[in-house]
C-alpha atoms as a PDB file:
ATOM      1  CA  MET A   1      -4.480  12.058  13.252  1.00  0.00           C
ATOM      2  CA  ASN A   2      -2.973  10.479  10.145  1.00  0.00           C
ATOM      3  CA  ASN A   3       0.627   9.302   9.979  1.00  0.00           C
ATOM      4  CA  ALA A   4       0.602   8.534   6.268  1.00  0.00           C
ATOM      5  CA  LEU A   5       1.405  10.506   3.133  1.00  0.00           C
ATOM      6  CA  ARG A   6       0.090   9.664  -0.340  1.00  0.00           C
ATOM      7  CA  TYR A   7       1.603  10.515  -3.718  1.00  0.00           C
ATOM      8  CA  LYS A   8       1.217   8.875  -7.140  1.00  0.00           C
ATOM      9  CA  GLY A   9      -0.307   5.773  -5.543  1.00  0.00           C
ATOM     10  CA  TYR A  10       2.527   5.383  -3.043  1.00  0.00           C
ATOM     11  CA  VAL A  11       1.890   5.510   0.708  1.00  0.00           C
ATOM     12  CA  GLY A  12       4.559   6.653   3.132  1.00  0.00           C
ATOM     13  CA  THR A  13       4.423   6.188   6.878  1.00  0.00           C
ATOM     14  CA  VAL A  14       5.982   8.765   9.174  1.00  0.00           C
ATOM     15  CA  THR A  15       7.660   8.682  12.571  1.00  0.00           C
ATOM     16  CA  PHE A  16       9.240  11.486  14.549  1.00  0.00           C
ATOM     17  CA  SER A  17      12.594  11.347  16.309  1.00  0.00           C
ATOM     18  CA  GLU A  18      12.500  13.713  19.251  1.00  0.00           C
ATOM     19  CA  GLN A  19      16.228  13.228  19.764  1.00  0.00           C
ATOM     20  CA  ASP A  20      17.098  14.194  16.165  1.00  0.00           C
ATOM     21  CA  GLU A  21      14.122  16.572  15.762  1.00  0.00           C
ATOM     22  CA  VAL A  22      13.445  15.016  12.361  1.00  0.00           C
ATOM     23  CA  PHE A  23      10.509  13.279  10.728  1.00  0.00           C
ATOM     24  CA  HIS A  24      11.475   9.964   9.109  1.00  0.00           C
ATOM     25  CA  GLY A  25       9.376   8.243   6.490  1.00  0.00           C
ATOM     26  CA  LYS A  26       9.253   5.037   4.511  1.00  0.00           C
ATOM     27  CA  VAL A  27       7.092   3.964   1.581  1.00  0.00           C
ATOM     28  CA  VAL A  28       5.153   0.840   2.549  1.00  0.00           C
ATOM     29  CA  GLY A  29       3.612  -2.012   0.619  1.00  0.00           C
ATOM     30  CA  MET A  30       6.471  -2.714  -1.758  1.00  0.00           C
ATOM     31  CA  LYS A  31       9.711  -4.696  -1.979  1.00  0.00           C
ATOM     32  CA  ASP A  32      11.946  -1.762  -2.945  1.00  0.00           C
ATOM     33  CA  LEU A  33      13.019   0.626  -0.196  1.00  0.00           C
ATOM     34  CA  ILE A  34      12.113   4.302  -0.489  1.00  0.00           C
ATOM     35  CA  THR A  35      12.853   6.519   2.506  1.00  0.00           C
ATOM     36  CA  PHE A  36      12.491  10.235   3.110  1.00  0.00           C
ATOM     37  CA  GLU A  37      12.857  12.762   5.916  1.00  0.00           C
ATOM     38  CA  GLY A  38      12.348  16.371   6.865  1.00  0.00           C
ATOM     39  CA  ASP A  39      12.664  18.742   9.776  1.00  0.00           C
ATOM     40  CA  SER A  40       9.257  20.285   9.045  1.00  0.00           C
ATOM     41  CA  VAL A  41       6.009  19.054   7.559  1.00  0.00           C
ATOM     42  CA  ALA A  42       6.676  20.989   4.354  1.00  0.00           C
ATOM     43  CA  SER A  43      10.204  19.585   3.961  1.00  0.00           C
ATOM     44  CA  LEU A  44       8.946  16.071   4.776  1.00  0.00           C
ATOM     45  CA  ILE A  45       6.282  16.225   2.059  1.00  0.00           C
ATOM     46  CA  GLU A  46       8.758  17.694  -0.426  1.00  0.00           C
ATOM     47  CA  ASP A  47      11.321  14.964   0.274  1.00  0.00           C
ATOM     48  CA  PHE A  48       8.614  12.277   0.009  1.00  0.00           C
ATOM     49  CA  HIS A  49       7.588  13.551  -3.429  1.00  0.00           C
ATOM     50  CA  ASN A  50      11.222  13.853  -4.515  1.00  0.00           C
ATOM     51  CA  ALA A  51      12.018  10.329  -3.282  1.00  0.00           C
ATOM     52  CA  VAL A  52       9.119   8.842  -5.256  1.00  0.00           C
ATOM     53  CA  ASP A  53      10.001  10.849  -8.372  1.00  0.00           C
ATOM     54  CA  GLU A  54      13.674   9.836  -8.103  1.00  0.00           C
ATOM     55  CA  TYR A  55      12.693   6.187  -7.634  1.00  0.00           C
ATOM     56  CA  GLU A  56      10.528   6.259 -10.751  1.00  0.00           C
ATOM     57  CA  GLU A  57      13.285   7.984 -12.736  1.00  0.00           C
ATOM     58  CA  TYR A  58      15.861   5.440 -11.523  1.00  0.00           C
ATOM     59  CA  CYS A  59      13.584   2.585 -12.595  1.00  0.00           C
ATOM     60  CA  LYS A  60      13.105   4.216 -15.993  1.00  0.00           C
ATOM     61  CA  GLN A  61      16.873   4.579 -16.482  1.00  0.00           C
ATOM     62  CA  GLN A  62      17.420   0.954 -15.463  1.00  0.00           C
ATOM     63  CA  GLY A  63      14.637  -0.315 -17.726  1.00  0.00           C
ATOM     64  CA  LYS A  64      12.905  -1.659 -14.626  1.00  0.00           C
ATOM     65  CA  LYS A  65       9.190  -1.455 -13.958  1.00  0.00           C
ATOM     66  CA  PRO A  66       8.600   0.425 -10.668  1.00  0.00           C
ATOM     67  CA  ASP A  67       7.333  -1.761  -7.853  1.00  0.00           C
ATOM     68  CA  LYS A  68       3.936  -0.158  -7.352  1.00  0.00           C
ATOM     69  CA  PRO A  69       2.411  -0.850  -3.966  1.00  0.00           C
ATOM     70  CA  TYR A  70      -0.702  -2.975  -3.777  1.00  0.00           C
ATOM     71  CA  LYS A  71      -1.126  -4.356  -7.249  1.00  0.00           C
ATOM     72  CA  GLY A  72      -4.532  -5.787  -6.348  1.00  0.00           C
ATOM     73  CA  THR A  73      -3.547  -9.445  -6.111  1.00  0.00           C
ATOM     74  CA  PHE A  74      -2.565 -11.472  -3.080  1.00  0.00           C
ATOM     75  CA  ASN A  75      -2.723 -15.047  -1.821  1.00  0.00           C
ATOM     76  CA  VAL A  76      -4.680 -15.895   1.280  1.00  0.00           C
ATOM     77  CA  ARG A  77      -4.417 -19.135   3.226  1.00  0.00           C
ATOM     78  CA  ILE A  78      -7.604 -20.139   5.009  1.00  0.00           C
ATOM     79  CA  GLN A  79      -9.083 -23.318   6.415  1.00  0.00           C
ATOM     80  CA  PRO A  80     -10.374 -25.655   3.683  1.00  0.00           C
ATOM     81  CA  GLU A  81     -13.875 -25.578   5.217  1.00  0.00           C
ATOM     82  CA  LEU A  82     -13.982 -21.781   5.011  1.00  0.00           C
ATOM     83  CA  HIS A  83     -12.682 -21.880   1.428  1.00  0.00           C
ATOM     84  CA  ARG A  84     -15.440 -24.338   0.485  1.00  0.00           C
ATOM     85  CA  ALA A  85     -18.145 -22.332   2.254  1.00  0.00           C
ATOM     86  CA  ALA A  86     -17.057 -19.099   0.536  1.00  0.00           C
ATOM     87  CA  ALA A  87     -16.935 -20.788  -2.879  1.00  0.00           C
ATOM     88  CA  MET A  88     -20.394 -22.278  -2.331  1.00  0.00           C
ATOM     89  CA  GLN A  89     -21.855 -18.939  -1.205  1.00  0.00           C
ATOM     90  CA  ALA A  90     -20.286 -17.164  -4.195  1.00  0.00           C
ATOM     91  CA  ALA A  91     -21.800 -19.740  -6.548  1.00  0.00           C
ATOM     92  CA  LEU A  92     -25.209 -19.357  -4.907  1.00  0.00           C
ATOM     93  CA  GLU A  93     -24.960 -15.588  -5.445  1.00  0.00           C
ATOM     94  CA  GLY A  94     -23.837 -16.054  -9.039  1.00  0.00           C
ATOM     95  CA  LYS A  95     -20.437 -14.496  -8.384  1.00  0.00           C
ATOM     96  CA  THR A  96     -16.841 -15.538  -8.761  1.00  0.00           C
ATOM     97  CA  LEU A  97     -14.961 -16.342  -5.587  1.00  0.00           C
ATOM     98  CA  ASN A  98     -12.775 -13.277  -6.228  1.00  0.00           C
ATOM     99  CA  ALA A  99     -15.826 -10.997  -6.443  1.00  0.00           C
ATOM    100  CA  PHE A 100     -17.289 -12.534  -3.296  1.00  0.00           C
ATOM    101  CA  VAL A 101     -14.038 -12.065  -1.328  1.00  0.00           C
ATOM    102  CA  GLU A 102     -13.607  -8.492  -2.593  1.00  0.00           C
ATOM    103  CA  GLU A 103     -17.157  -7.583  -1.552  1.00  0.00           C
ATOM    104  CA  SER A 104     -16.618  -9.226   1.849  1.00  0.00           C
ATOM    105  CA  ILE A 105     -13.426  -7.286   2.467  1.00  0.00           C
ATOM    106  CA  ARG A 106     -14.991  -4.042   1.264  1.00  0.00           C
ATOM    107  CA  GLY A 107     -17.940  -4.594   3.620  1.00  0.00           C
ATOM    108  CA  SER A 108     -15.616  -5.242   6.544  1.00  0.00           C
ATOM    109  CA  LEU A 109     -13.762  -1.998   5.826  1.00  0.00           C
ATOM    110  CA  HIS A 110     -17.017  -0.045   5.572  1.00  0.00           C
ATOM    111  CA  GLU A 111     -15.977   1.418   2.197  1.00  0.00           C
ATOM    112  CA  HIS A 112     -18.953   1.498  -0.109  1.00  0.00           C
END
């Protein structure tokens, strides 16, 4: 079962309120807040798409660049010894530290 929707690079998570009999959703991985809802799967997906489209249009009107989720950069704090060991291993493999970390993460996620 998957509780996520995807559209134009945005990912929305979904919950269901039994009391309200409504699906509620929120786009994750960004600073700006985009929410959506629906009382059926079809209306939920439609509102998700509309919410993303409206957000992008609002940003365009405001001259603001949309906050795209997961730009591909992030800071990680690790123990200095682990940092050194990773940098040394990357150098031994003739790679940048970024390439080494990316490959390590990809391998851990089993996405090849």
